[in-house]
Amino acid sequence: MKTLIACRTCGREISPNAEACPHCGEKLKSNQTATGLLAAIIIGLIIGLVVYFAITGPSNSEVKMNKTLLEEQRELGRKVGEWNELAKRAGR
């Protein structure tokens, strides 16, 4: 057996499945429609953003440039390490 709920307007007990209060006529389901519409809009925006970023992701030239920069940074790190090692040896 379902639990009855109180009408927001008149306070009398009504079915939670009722679209309107049978005593005063207060509509009960309007918030659910707005909530469903808002959820559909948000889901649509998320899907649209995913598709947009999938299509406009980084180009091949940007990826190649980033790889080249990373390789240069690694090489510089190796050289700095070598220089530090030579400086330690020279300081002994």
Protein backbone atom coordinates (compact mmCIF):
# COMPACT_ATOMS: atom_id res chain seq x y z
CA MET A 1 0.00 0.00 0.00
CA LYS A 2 1.34 3.40 -0.99
CA THR A 3 1.81 6.12 1.57
CA LEU A 4 -0.31 9.21 1.06
CA ILE A 5 1.27 12.63 0.90
CA ALA A 6 0.00 16.01 2.05
CA CYS A 7 -1.14 18.56 -0.51
CA ARG A 8 1.05 21.68 -0.47
CA THR A 9 -1.97 23.97 -0.65
CA CYS A 10 -4.75 22.47 1.47
CA GLY A 11 -2.76 19.94 3.52
CA ARG A 12 -5.18 17.07 2.95
CA GLU A 13 -3.87 13.59 2.16
CA ILE A 14 -3.65 12.64 -1.51
CA SER A 15 -2.05 9.92 -3.63
CA PRO A 16 1.59 10.56 -4.59
CA ASN A 17 0.61 9.60 -8.17
CA ALA A 18 -2.09 12.26 -8.45
CA GLU A 19 -1.53 15.01 -11.01
CA ALA A 20 -3.67 17.43 -9.00
CA CYS A 21 -5.23 17.53 -5.56
CA PRO A 22 -8.82 16.25 -5.83
CA HIS A 23 -9.85 18.61 -2.98
CA CYS A 24 -8.41 21.98 -4.01
CA GLY A 25 -7.18 21.37 -7.59
CA GLU A 26 -3.51 22.23 -6.91
CA LYS A 27 -1.33 20.77 -9.69
CA LEU A 28 1.41 18.46 -8.40
CA LYS A 29 3.31 17.14 -11.42
CA SER A 30 4.51 20.43 -12.97
CA ASN A 31 7.90 20.34 -11.17
CA GLN A 32 8.70 16.90 -12.55
CA THR A 33 8.20 18.10 -16.13
CA ALA A 34 10.55 21.06 -15.60
CA THR A 35 13.12 18.82 -13.93
CA GLY A 36 12.99 16.31 -16.80
CA LEU A 37 13.39 19.09 -19.36
CA LEU A 38 16.37 20.54 -17.48
CA ALA A 39 17.99 17.10 -17.26
CA ALA A 40 17.50 16.58 -21.02
CA ILE A 41 19.09 19.97 -21.76
CA ILE A 42 22.10 19.25 -19.53
CA ILE A 43 22.62 15.80 -21.07
CA GLY A 44 22.37 17.33 -24.55
CA LEU A 45 24.99 19.96 -23.70
CA ILE A 46 27.37 17.33 -22.32
CA ILE A 47 27.01 15.17 -25.43
CA GLY A 48 27.50 18.23 -27.63
CA LEU A 49 30.69 19.21 -25.81
CA VAL A 50 32.09 15.70 -26.05
CA VAL A 51 31.44 15.62 -29.80
CA TYR A 52 32.89 19.13 -30.25
CA PHE A 53 36.12 18.31 -28.43
CA ALA A 54 36.42 14.96 -30.22
CA ILE A 55 36.21 16.73 -33.58
CA THR A 56 38.37 19.75 -32.74
CA GLY A 57 41.08 17.90 -30.78
CA PRO A 58 44.74 18.79 -31.23
CA SER A 59 46.02 18.64 -34.79
CA ASN A 60 48.89 16.38 -35.84
CA SER A 61 51.25 19.35 -36.09
CA GLU A 62 50.48 20.37 -32.51
CA VAL A 63 51.11 16.83 -31.30
CA LYS A 64 54.42 16.66 -33.21
CA MET A 65 55.48 20.04 -31.82
CA ASN A 66 54.70 18.92 -28.26
CA LYS A 67 56.72 15.72 -28.77
CA THR A 68 59.67 17.73 -30.13
CA LEU A 69 59.55 20.09 -27.15
CA LEU A 70 59.41 17.17 -24.74
CA GLU A 71 62.44 15.55 -26.42
CA GLU A 72 64.35 18.85 -26.21
CA GLN A 73 63.51 19.19 -22.51
CA ARG A 74 64.73 15.65 -21.83
CA GLU A 75 67.98 16.31 -23.71
CA LEU A 76 68.52 19.54 -21.76
CA GLY A 77 67.90 17.64 -18.52
CA ARG A 78 70.54 15.07 -19.50
CA LYS A 79 73.04 17.83 -20.29
CA VAL A 80 72.40 19.61 -16.99
CA GLY A 81 72.91 16.31 -15.19
CA GLU A 82 76.20 15.78 -17.01
CA TRP A 83 77.35 19.33 -16.19
CA ASN A 84 76.48 18.85 -12.54
CA GLU A 85 78.48 15.62 -12.48
CA LEU A 86 81.48 17.33 -14.11
CA ALA A 87 81.24 20.20 -11.62
CA LYS A 88 81.24 17.75 -8.70
CA ARG A 89 84.31 15.98 -10.09
CA ALA A 90 86.12 19.27 -10.68
CA GLY A 91 85.35 20.42 -7.14
CA ARG A 92 87.04 17.36 -5.51
